[in-house]
Protein backbone atom coordinates (compact mmCIF):
# COMPACT_ATOMS: atom_id res chain seq x y z
CA MET A 1 67.12 -179.76 128.29
CA PRO A 2 66.50 -178.98 124.87
CA GLN A 3 65.35 -181.75 122.74
CA GLN A 4 68.31 -183.52 120.89
CA ALA A 5 68.33 -185.94 118.13
CA PRO A 6 66.11 -189.04 118.20
CA ALA A 7 68.91 -191.47 118.81
CA THR A 8 69.18 -192.13 122.74
CA GLU A 9 72.35 -192.51 124.40
CA ARG A 10 75.78 -193.85 122.76
CA ALA A 11 76.65 -197.22 123.04
CA PRO A 12 79.69 -198.40 125.14
CA GLU A 13 82.55 -200.29 123.47
CA ARG A 14 81.58 -203.96 123.69
CA PRO A 15 84.53 -206.46 124.37
CA PRO A 16 84.70 -208.94 121.43
CA THR A 17 82.91 -212.14 121.93
CA PRO A 18 85.33 -215.15 122.19
CA PRO A 19 84.79 -217.89 119.82
CA ALA A 20 82.57 -220.89 120.93
CA PRO A 21 84.14 -224.30 121.15
CA PRO A 22 83.38 -226.28 118.11
CA PRO A 23 80.24 -228.23 118.59
CA THR A 24 79.85 -232.01 118.25
CA VAL A 25 76.29 -232.67 116.92
CA GLN A 26 74.93 -235.97 117.84
CA ARG A 27 70.95 -236.34 116.89
CA PRO A 28 68.91 -238.77 118.72
CA GLY A 29 69.23 -242.28 117.07
CA GLU A 30 72.54 -241.67 115.41
CA ARG A 31 75.52 -243.82 116.33
CA ASP A 32 78.79 -242.24 117.80
CA ALA A 33 81.50 -242.03 115.30
CA ARG A 34 85.15 -241.71 116.33
CA PRO A 35 87.95 -240.61 114.13
CA GLY A 36 89.39 -243.38 111.95
CA GLN A 37 86.89 -245.89 113.04
CA PRO A 38 83.43 -246.85 111.42
CA PRO A 39 80.54 -246.33 113.44
CA SER A 40 79.69 -248.92 116.02
CA ALA A 41 77.07 -251.48 115.22
CA GLY A 42 74.70 -250.34 117.80
CA ASP A 43 74.07 -247.50 120.14
CA ARG A 44 76.12 -247.03 123.62
CA ASN A 45 74.17 -248.30 126.43
CA GLN A 46 72.48 -245.73 128.50
CA GLY A 47 75.01 -246.00 131.36
CA ASP A 48 77.90 -244.97 128.97
CA ARG A 49 75.80 -242.11 127.74
CA ASN A 50 75.03 -240.91 131.36
CA ARG A 51 78.83 -241.14 132.16
CA GLU A 52 79.74 -239.25 128.90
CA GLN A 53 77.22 -236.29 129.69
CA ALA A 54 78.74 -236.02 133.26
CA SER A 55 82.11 -235.74 132.07
CA PRO A 56 83.61 -232.15 132.09
CA ASP A 57 85.97 -232.95 129.32
CA ARG A 58 83.32 -234.05 126.65
CA PRO A 59 82.81 -231.85 123.75
CA PRO A 60 79.79 -229.58 124.12
CA THR A 61 76.55 -230.12 122.06
CA ARG A 62 75.34 -227.47 119.74
CA GLY A 63 72.94 -226.06 122.24
CA GLU A 64 75.41 -225.88 124.99
CA ALA A 65 78.00 -224.18 122.76
CA GLU A 66 75.30 -221.56 121.92
CA ARG A 67 74.69 -220.90 125.60
CA ARG A 68 78.54 -220.62 126.12
CA GLN A 69 79.02 -217.83 123.70
CA GLY A 70 80.52 -215.05 125.39
CA GLU A 71 81.26 -216.95 128.60
CA PRO A 72 84.97 -217.90 129.61
CA ASP A 73 85.91 -221.34 129.99
CA ARG A 74 85.85 -222.13 133.74
CA ARG A 75 86.97 -225.67 133.56
CA GLY A 76 89.96 -226.01 136.05
CA GLU A 77 89.19 -222.74 137.88
CA PRO A 78 88.48 -222.78 141.70
CA ASP A 79 84.70 -222.77 142.75
CA ARG A 80 83.02 -219.31 142.57
CA PRO A 81 82.12 -217.54 145.74
CA ARG A 82 78.87 -218.93 147.09
CA LEU A 83 76.34 -217.35 149.54
CA PRO A 84 76.42 -217.74 153.34
CA PRO A 85 76.10 -221.38 154.49
CA ASN A 86 73.14 -220.74 156.49
CA ALA A 87 70.72 -221.34 153.71
CA PRO A 88 72.50 -222.52 150.82
CA LEU A 89 71.09 -222.51 147.40
CA ASP A 90 70.09 -225.98 146.08
CA GLN A 91 70.98 -225.50 142.36
CA ALA A 92 73.47 -227.20 140.11
CA ARG A 93 75.26 -223.83 139.55
CA PRO A 94 75.02 -220.42 140.88
CA GLY A 95 71.64 -218.91 140.17
CA VAL A 96 70.33 -221.59 137.90
CA PRO A 97 67.65 -223.91 139.17
CA PRO A 98 68.15 -227.57 137.95
CA ALA A 99 64.54 -227.34 136.52
CA MET A 100 64.92 -224.27 134.73
CA VAL A 101 66.00 -224.12 130.83
CA ALA A 102 67.82 -221.41 129.36
CA PRO A 103 65.52 -219.31 127.19
CA ARG A 104 65.70 -219.52 123.43
CA PRO A 105 67.96 -216.49 122.31
CA ALA A 106 66.03 -213.75 120.57
CA THR A 107 66.43 -213.67 116.82
CA ALA A 108 67.87 -210.64 115.13
CA ASP A 109 64.54 -209.51 114.33
CA GLU A 110 63.39 -209.66 117.69
CA LEU A 111 66.27 -207.83 119.10
CA ARG A 112 65.75 -204.94 116.39
CA ALA A 113 62.19 -204.79 117.48
CA ARG A 114 62.77 -203.75 121.09
CA ARG A 115 64.14 -200.35 120.10
CA MET A 116 63.00 -196.81 120.76
CA ASP A 117 62.73 -196.15 117.02
CA ASP A 118 59.48 -198.37 116.99
CA VAL A 119 58.09 -196.79 120.21
CA ARG A 120 58.15 -193.09 119.05
CA GLY A 121 55.48 -193.75 116.43
CA SER A 122 52.92 -195.05 118.83
CA ARG A 123 53.04 -192.04 121.14
CA THR A 124 49.82 -189.75 121.83
CA GLN A 125 49.88 -186.66 123.94
CA SER A 126 46.99 -184.75 125.69
CA GLU A 127 46.77 -182.11 128.62
CA GLU A 128 44.83 -183.49 131.28
CA GLY A 129 44.07 -181.70 134.43
CA GLY A 130 47.13 -179.20 133.99
CA ARG A 131 49.41 -182.13 133.46
CA THR A 132 50.77 -183.57 130.01
CA VAL A 133 50.02 -187.11 129.60
CA ILE A 134 52.15 -189.21 126.91
CA ARG A 135 50.97 -192.57 126.31
CA GLU A 136 52.85 -195.32 124.46
CA GLY A 137 52.55 -199.07 123.96
CA GLY A 138 51.24 -199.92 127.49
CA ARG A 139 53.12 -197.13 129.24
CA THR A 140 51.90 -193.52 130.51
CA ILE A 141 54.62 -190.78 131.02
CA ILE A 142 53.07 -187.94 133.08
CA ARG A 143 54.73 -184.54 133.29
CA ASP A 144 53.66 -182.34 136.06
CA GLY A 145 55.67 -179.33 136.52
CA ASP A 146 59.25 -180.02 136.54
CA ARG A 147 58.63 -183.85 137.44
CA SER A 148 58.23 -186.51 134.99
CA ILE A 149 57.29 -190.11 135.92
CA ILE A 150 56.47 -193.11 133.92
CA ARG A 151 54.01 -196.03 134.87
CA HIS A 152 53.13 -199.21 133.29
CA ASP A 153 51.08 -202.42 134.09
CA GLU A 154 53.43 -205.07 135.32
CA THR A 155 50.95 -208.04 134.88
CA SER A 156 52.57 -209.09 131.52
CA ARG A 157 55.64 -210.28 133.49
CA PHE A 158 53.71 -212.93 135.32
CA ARG A 159 52.51 -214.72 132.15
CA ALA A 160 55.77 -216.93 131.76
CA ASP A 161 55.24 -219.33 134.64
CA SER A 162 51.44 -219.20 134.93
CA ARG A 163 48.80 -221.65 134.13
CA ASP A 164 45.99 -219.20 133.50
CA VAL A 165 45.62 -215.28 133.70
CA GLN A 166 42.09 -214.06 134.46
CA VAL A 167 41.28 -210.21 134.35
CA GLN A 168 38.02 -208.82 135.98
CA ARG A 169 36.70 -205.40 136.28
CA ARG A 170 35.49 -204.44 139.85
CA GLY A 171 33.85 -201.08 140.05
CA ARG A 172 36.89 -198.67 139.21
CA GLU A 173 39.38 -201.30 139.73
CA THR A 174 40.98 -203.89 137.42
CA VAL A 175 41.85 -207.29 139.28
CA SER A 176 44.27 -209.59 137.38
CA THR A 177 44.76 -213.10 138.92
CA ILE A 178 47.65 -215.21 137.76
CA VAL A 179 47.14 -218.88 138.38
CA ARG A 180 50.23 -221.04 138.75
CA PRO A 181 50.45 -224.85 138.73
CA GLY A 182 49.87 -226.27 142.22
CA GLY A 183 47.08 -223.87 142.96
CA VAL A 184 48.99 -220.81 143.74
CA ARG A 185 47.57 -217.34 142.88
CA ILE A 186 49.14 -213.92 142.42
CA VAL A 187 46.49 -211.12 142.45
CA ASN A 188 47.34 -207.64 141.39
CA THR A 189 44.73 -204.94 141.61
CA LEU A 190 45.07 -201.59 139.40
CA ASP A 191 43.00 -198.55 139.53
CA ASP A 192 41.73 -196.60 136.45
CA ASP A 193 45.05 -194.96 135.82
CA GLY A 194 46.97 -198.26 135.77
CA ARG A 195 48.51 -197.75 139.19
CA LEU A 196 49.15 -200.83 141.32
CA LEU A 197 47.02 -200.66 144.29
CA ARG A 198 47.68 -204.06 145.85
CA ARG A 199 49.61 -207.25 145.22
CA SER A 200 49.00 -210.50 146.98
CA ARG A 201 49.95 -214.27 146.81
CA PHE A 202 47.54 -216.80 147.94
CA ASP A 203 48.86 -220.39 148.61
CA ALA A 204 47.00 -223.59 147.62
CA ARG A 205 44.98 -223.36 150.73
CA GLY A 206 43.79 -219.69 149.98
CA ARG A 207 46.16 -218.03 152.79
CA GLU A 208 46.93 -214.50 151.50
CA LEU A 209 50.40 -212.91 151.85
CA VAL A 210 50.30 -209.15 150.98
CA LEU A 211 53.48 -208.21 149.23
CA ILE A 212 52.48 -204.53 148.13
CA ASP A 213 49.82 -202.23 149.49
CA ASN A 214 49.69 -198.97 147.44
CA ARG A 215 46.20 -197.65 148.38
CA ARG A 216 47.51 -194.91 150.74
CA ALA A 217 49.32 -193.29 147.59
CA ALA A 218 46.10 -193.45 145.49
CA ARG A 219 43.83 -191.58 147.88
CA PRO A 220 42.86 -188.03 146.48
CA GLY A 221 44.88 -185.33 147.74
CA VAL A 222 47.73 -187.65 149.10
CA ARG A 223 51.15 -186.41 147.94
CA ARG A 224 53.41 -189.15 146.33
CA TYR A 225 56.50 -187.09 146.62
CA VAL A 226 58.28 -187.23 149.99
CA ASP A 227 61.16 -184.76 150.87
CA LEU A 228 63.59 -186.39 153.06
CA PRO A 229 67.18 -185.29 153.81
CA PRO A 230 70.01 -187.63 152.53
CA PRO A 231 70.71 -190.51 154.86
CA MET A 232 73.41 -190.66 157.47
CA LEU A 233 76.11 -193.25 156.43
CA ARG A 234 77.78 -195.11 158.88
CA ILE A 235 79.25 -197.58 156.27
CA PRO A 236 81.83 -197.22 153.61
CA ARG A 237 80.29 -195.89 150.56
CA ASP A 238 81.42 -198.80 148.29
CA ARG A 239 79.31 -200.88 150.55
CA TYR A 240 76.35 -198.56 150.42
CA ILE A 241 76.47 -198.52 146.51
CA VAL A 242 78.09 -201.68 145.27
CA ALA A 243 79.19 -202.42 141.84
CA ALA A 244 77.94 -205.95 140.80
CA GLY A 245 81.06 -206.55 138.59
CA ALA A 246 83.53 -205.89 141.25
CA VAL A 247 82.47 -207.75 144.29
CA SER A 248 81.65 -211.51 145.37
CA ALA A 249 78.22 -213.13 145.74
CA ALA A 250 78.43 -212.92 149.33
CA VAL A 251 78.84 -209.05 149.10
CA ILE A 252 75.81 -208.79 146.74
CA TYR A 253 73.75 -210.95 149.20
CA GLU A 254 74.71 -208.77 152.17
CA THR A 255 73.76 -205.64 150.29
CA LEU A 256 70.23 -206.97 149.36
CA SER A 257 69.55 -208.40 152.62
CA ALA A 258 70.99 -205.47 154.88
CA PRO A 259 68.60 -203.15 156.96
CA PRO A 260 68.09 -199.43 156.33
CA VAL A 261 71.09 -197.33 156.65
CA ASP A 262 69.07 -194.74 158.52
CA ARG A 263 65.83 -194.45 160.52
CA ILE A 264 62.49 -195.16 158.88
CA GLU A 265 59.86 -192.99 160.25
CA ARG A 266 56.72 -194.90 159.04
CA PRO A 267 55.47 -197.25 156.40
CA TYR A 268 55.84 -195.88 152.75
CA ALA A 269 53.40 -196.72 150.03
CA LEU A 270 55.10 -198.06 146.81
CA ASP A 271 54.60 -194.73 144.83
CA GLU A 272 56.31 -192.94 147.65
CA ILE A 273 59.23 -195.16 147.21
CA ARG A 274 59.19 -195.02 143.54
CA TYR A 275 58.97 -191.34 143.21
CA SER A 276 60.90 -189.95 146.40
CA ALA A 277 64.76 -190.46 146.11
CA GLY A 278 65.15 -189.58 149.94
CA VAL A 279 62.82 -192.53 150.96
CA ARG A 280 64.83 -194.83 148.36
CA ASP A 281 68.18 -193.88 149.55
CA ARG A 282 67.58 -195.37 152.93
CA MET A 283 68.42 -198.68 151.43
CA ARG A 284 71.68 -199.92 149.96
CA ARG A 285 71.79 -200.69 146.16
CA VAL A 286 73.66 -202.68 143.77
CA ASP A 287 74.33 -201.25 140.42
CA ILE A 288 74.40 -204.00 137.67
CA ASP A 289 77.33 -202.86 135.68
CA THR A 290 77.95 -206.16 134.19
CA ILE A 291 74.88 -205.70 131.55
CA THR A 292 75.42 -203.44 128.73
CA PHE A 293 72.51 -202.20 126.03
CA ASP A 294 72.72 -201.29 122.46
CA THR A 295 71.88 -197.88 121.64
CA GLY A 296 68.28 -197.23 121.98
CA SER A 297 67.54 -200.86 122.75
CA TRP A 298 66.48 -202.45 125.97
CA ALA A 299 67.25 -206.24 124.53
CA ILE A 300 69.66 -208.25 126.70
CA SER A 301 71.83 -210.47 124.31
CA ALA A 302 71.91 -214.26 125.24
CA ASP A 303 75.61 -214.15 126.23
CA GLN A 304 74.86 -211.59 128.75
CA THR A 305 72.04 -213.20 130.86
CA SER A 306 74.33 -215.40 132.90
CA LYS A 307 76.12 -212.20 134.44
CA LEU A 308 72.84 -211.69 136.49
CA ASP A 309 73.60 -214.95 138.51
CA PHE A 310 74.89 -213.61 141.55
CA ILE A 311 71.95 -211.09 141.50
CA ALA A 312 69.54 -213.85 141.42
CA GLN A 313 71.23 -216.04 144.03
CA ALA A 314 70.92 -213.12 146.42
CA MET A 315 67.32 -212.56 145.83
CA MET A 316 66.46 -216.10 145.92
CA GLN A 317 68.24 -216.40 149.39
CA ALA A 318 66.45 -213.30 150.81
CA ILE A 319 62.94 -214.72 149.59
CA ARG A 320 63.63 -218.17 151.06
CA ALA A 321 64.10 -216.43 154.35
CA ASN A 322 61.27 -214.12 153.98
CA PRO A 323 58.63 -214.81 151.26
CA ALA A 324 57.49 -211.06 151.35
CA GLU A 325 60.60 -209.63 150.27
CA VAL A 326 60.14 -206.92 147.57
CA PHE A 327 63.08 -205.55 145.27
CA LEU A 328 62.93 -202.48 143.32
CA ILE A 329 64.73 -202.78 139.91
CA GLU A 330 65.58 -199.22 138.70
CA GLY A 331 66.44 -198.04 135.15
CA HIS A 332 68.84 -194.99 134.56
CA THR A 333 70.25 -193.26 131.38
CA ASP A 334 72.53 -190.40 130.69
CA THR A 335 71.48 -187.18 128.99
CA VAL A 336 72.15 -188.09 125.45
CA GLY A 337 68.70 -187.81 123.58
CA SER A 338 65.30 -186.46 124.65
CA ASP A 339 64.15 -186.87 128.17
CA ILE A 340 61.17 -188.71 127.13
CA ASP A 341 62.98 -191.19 125.20
CA ASN A 342 65.24 -191.76 128.06
CA LEU A 343 62.50 -192.04 130.44
CA SER A 344 60.80 -194.71 128.44
CA LEU A 345 64.05 -196.43 127.64
CA SER A 346 65.01 -196.70 131.27
CA ASP A 347 61.72 -198.09 132.19
CA ARG A 348 61.85 -200.92 129.50
CA ARG A 349 65.44 -202.00 130.41
CA ALA A 350 64.45 -202.38 134.15
CA GLU A 351 61.61 -204.44 133.05
CA GLU A 352 63.70 -206.57 130.86
CA ILE A 353 66.30 -207.29 133.57
CA ALA A 354 63.04 -208.47 135.89
CA ILE A 355 61.85 -210.61 133.03
CA VAL A 356 65.47 -212.40 132.72
CA LEU A 357 65.62 -212.74 136.38
CA THR A 358 62.24 -214.77 136.37
CA GLU A 359 62.49 -216.54 133.12
CA ARG A 360 66.11 -217.69 133.62
CA PHE A 361 66.73 -217.86 137.23
CA GLY A 362 63.31 -218.38 138.66
CA VAL A 363 63.07 -215.27 140.78
CA PRO A 364 59.29 -214.92 141.39
CA PRO A 365 58.05 -212.03 139.40
CA GLU A 366 55.66 -210.76 142.48
CA ASN A 367 58.75 -210.22 144.54
CA LEU A 368 60.10 -207.85 141.90
CA THR A 369 58.77 -204.37 140.72
CA THR A 370 60.33 -201.86 138.22
CA GLN A 371 60.59 -198.25 137.71
CA GLY A 372 62.60 -196.09 135.20
CA TYR A 373 64.20 -192.62 135.72
CA GLY A 374 65.59 -191.62 132.66
CA GLU A 375 68.41 -188.87 133.22
CA GLN A 376 66.92 -187.43 136.44
CA PHE A 377 69.35 -189.33 138.96
CA PRO A 378 72.92 -189.60 137.27
CA LYS A 379 75.62 -191.18 139.08
CA VAL A 380 78.35 -188.87 137.57
CA ALA A 381 77.13 -185.29 137.43
CA VAL A 382 78.04 -184.63 133.71
CA ASP A 383 76.09 -183.69 130.80
CA GLY A 384 76.52 -185.87 127.66
CA PRO A 385 77.49 -189.56 127.12
CA GLU A 386 78.73 -191.27 130.29
CA ARG A 387 78.70 -195.12 130.80
CA GLU A 388 78.27 -195.05 134.46
CA ASN A 389 74.91 -193.30 134.12
CA ARG A 390 73.71 -195.74 131.77
CA ARG A 391 72.92 -198.53 134.33
CA VAL A 392 70.38 -200.81 136.03
CA ALA A 393 70.32 -200.87 139.93
CA VAL A 394 68.48 -203.16 142.44
CA ARG A 395 67.58 -202.50 146.14
CA ARG A 396 65.58 -204.18 148.63
CA ILE A 397 62.69 -201.94 149.52
CA THR A 398 60.81 -204.48 151.85
CA PRO A 399 61.72 -202.29 155.21
CA LEU A 400 60.41 -199.08 153.58
CA LEU A 401 57.05 -200.84 152.80
CA ALA A 402 56.82 -202.06 156.00
CA GLY A 403 58.19 -199.12 157.93
CA LYS A 404 60.88 -201.00 160.07
CA GLY A 405 64.39 -199.58 160.42
CA PRO A 406 67.06 -199.20 162.88
CA ALA A 407 66.39 -197.24 166.07
CA ARG A 408 68.12 -194.10 166.73
């Protein structure tokens, strides 16, 4: 499509944020003052404090008020739907491990920094082997004929919960080892082009669990595009493509743990899955329509992160049942703006969702992989601004990597 103005996409109307409840500020060491009464002679005892903190009717602290901005008051409402009882989540509230602390909200300057306006100036372009190669801030965009793909090193997502990150050069490969408290190690092996070749998790005893083996796709002469016909659907379409904002946690879990909808002929390499729609479409997907982004930005505001709790619940449930589960997070845009801007923007939005799932909800980063598709796969066939085409989606790809599907 012809190049358009630099601005990417048109932002959807965002609902007004409800005002936060007035916070009650009580700093450590201060006495509790009640209206019309002088402060007490001494602090309350610890038991009284614990009871006050456990009470649902107490006023929120400043930090709680900030985290509640944009979230409706759910006191008095019935419990939200939970996952199937065969392996319930041991969490204080859906999707949030008790030990996790909500991340500090990004400042206005940090939010502005995550915009495409700052990316364009860093791009370089060259012709290599009959292909156009565009590099920008840790990402590589490759144009080969009528196909465009984007690739980036996902190692940076692993730093949040790591004790140490070691990077070594071994021949023509780069090996990144992420060491976690307790001795668990995640090892990512990349080739010269930054393509992930292999990802493994080693437990404290040194036992290896291979999550992704992409070496087949890196062999010379091997095509990474697989042409498959659309799958034969035997389920309702609204259970094949699920809108996260319209269903319960149980439906999301069912979608992200379901088997392929059609036969899987063989194991597929990660690149074959990433770059072949016919392969990916063998798996059901969840469209995360509860998250919106500002125009040209991939930042997720603090008031939106809690909307990922059902997605995180489903992933954690599946990973507990099978630690080798892998989920692909996909980014998509509409056709407003240049195709290169949209490809980069979609890839960064998919990565941002993965970061939030790990940092706020504790989803292991090694069980996630991300890929941007820009405007290539619209949900609604229309040229121009379309909210439904501006989306991030997730699907389970473990059966595709393993070559396991329903028999005919």
